[in-house]
Amino acid sequence: MFIELGGTFIYQFGREHIVDMPPGSKVEDALNALGIKERIYIIIVKNGSIAKLSDELHENDKLVIFPPIGGGN
């Protein structure tokens, strides 16, 4: 599966990853595979729709993950 990271995650983990996940894996398992410990206030998009940590993954899925974003006036 393809995982793209945004925001400050790029500096910590890199921008793009191709990860082999075993059948039955969840979104949370993909975060663990990349070493992402943050679970609160992250934005996860799976195939263009907002995803939950408990959503099941499939071979050709695409995840986009962003950390909290703030700032501005």
Protein backbone atom coordinates (compact mmCIF):
# COMPACT_ATOMS: atom_id res chain seq x y z
CA MET A 1 0.00 0.00 0.00
CA PHE A 2 1.04 3.60 -0.55
CA ILE A 3 1.35 6.03 2.35
CA GLU A 4 1.98 9.75 1.93
CA LEU A 5 2.83 11.91 4.92
CA GLY A 6 2.35 15.65 5.23
CA GLY A 7 3.30 18.53 7.48
CA THR A 8 6.05 17.96 10.01
CA PHE A 9 5.74 14.17 9.60
CA ILE A 10 7.75 14.60 6.38
CA TYR A 11 10.80 15.72 8.39
CA GLN A 12 10.45 12.89 10.89
CA PHE A 13 9.49 9.95 8.67
CA GLY A 14 9.87 10.96 5.01
CA ARG A 15 7.17 11.88 2.50
CA GLU A 16 6.24 8.67 0.66
CA HIS A 17 6.29 5.01 1.65
CA ILE A 18 5.24 1.75 0.09
CA VAL A 19 4.42 -0.70 2.86
CA ASP A 20 3.39 -4.36 2.68
CA MET A 21 0.71 -4.95 5.29
CA PRO A 22 -0.63 -8.42 6.11
CA PRO A 23 -4.31 -9.18 5.42
CA GLY A 24 -6.61 -7.86 8.14
CA SER A 25 -4.32 -4.93 9.01
CA LYS A 26 -5.89 -1.72 10.26
CA VAL A 27 -4.90 1.91 9.74
CA GLU A 28 -3.33 1.89 13.20
CA ASP A 29 -1.05 -0.97 12.12
CA ALA A 30 0.23 1.17 9.23
CA LEU A 31 1.06 3.99 11.66
CA ASN A 32 2.94 1.50 13.83
CA ALA A 33 4.86 0.19 10.80
CA LEU A 34 6.16 3.71 10.14
CA GLY A 35 6.93 4.41 13.80
CA ILE A 36 4.28 7.13 14.14
CA LYS A 37 3.23 7.25 17.78
CA GLU A 38 0.85 10.23 17.55
CA ARG A 39 -2.80 9.11 17.74
CA ILE A 40 -4.64 12.24 18.80
CA TYR A 41 -5.24 15.19 16.50
CA ILE A 42 -3.93 13.53 13.35
CA ILE A 43 -5.79 13.59 10.06
CA ILE A 44 -5.94 10.30 8.18
CA VAL A 45 -7.37 10.05 4.67
CA LYS A 46 -7.87 6.63 3.08
CA ASN A 47 -8.59 6.60 -0.65
CA GLY A 48 -9.91 10.17 -0.49
CA SER A 49 -12.16 9.78 2.58
CA ILE A 50 -11.52 10.48 6.27
CA ALA A 51 -10.42 7.25 7.99
CA LYS A 52 -10.44 5.89 11.51
CA LEU A 53 -7.61 3.98 13.18
CA SER A 54 -9.81 0.87 13.18
CA ASP A 55 -10.50 0.90 9.41
CA GLU A 56 -9.28 -2.19 7.58
CA LEU A 57 -6.62 -1.82 4.90
CA HIS A 58 -6.45 -3.46 1.49
CA GLU A 59 -3.56 -4.02 -0.91
CA ASN A 60 -4.11 -1.03 -3.22
CA ASP A 61 -5.20 1.50 -0.58
CA LYS A 62 -3.63 4.93 -0.33
CA LEU A 63 -3.27 6.66 3.03
CA VAL A 64 -2.44 10.32 3.51
CA ILE A 65 -1.54 11.26 7.08
CA PHE A 66 -1.08 14.75 8.53
CA PRO A 67 -0.07 15.83 12.04
CA PRO A 68 -1.86 18.67 13.81
CA ILE A 69 -1.64 21.91 11.88
CA GLY A 70 -1.89 25.27 13.60
CA GLY A 71 -0.89 28.86 13.46
CA GLY A 72 -1.98 31.96 11.68
CA ASN A 73 -4.28 34.72 12.78
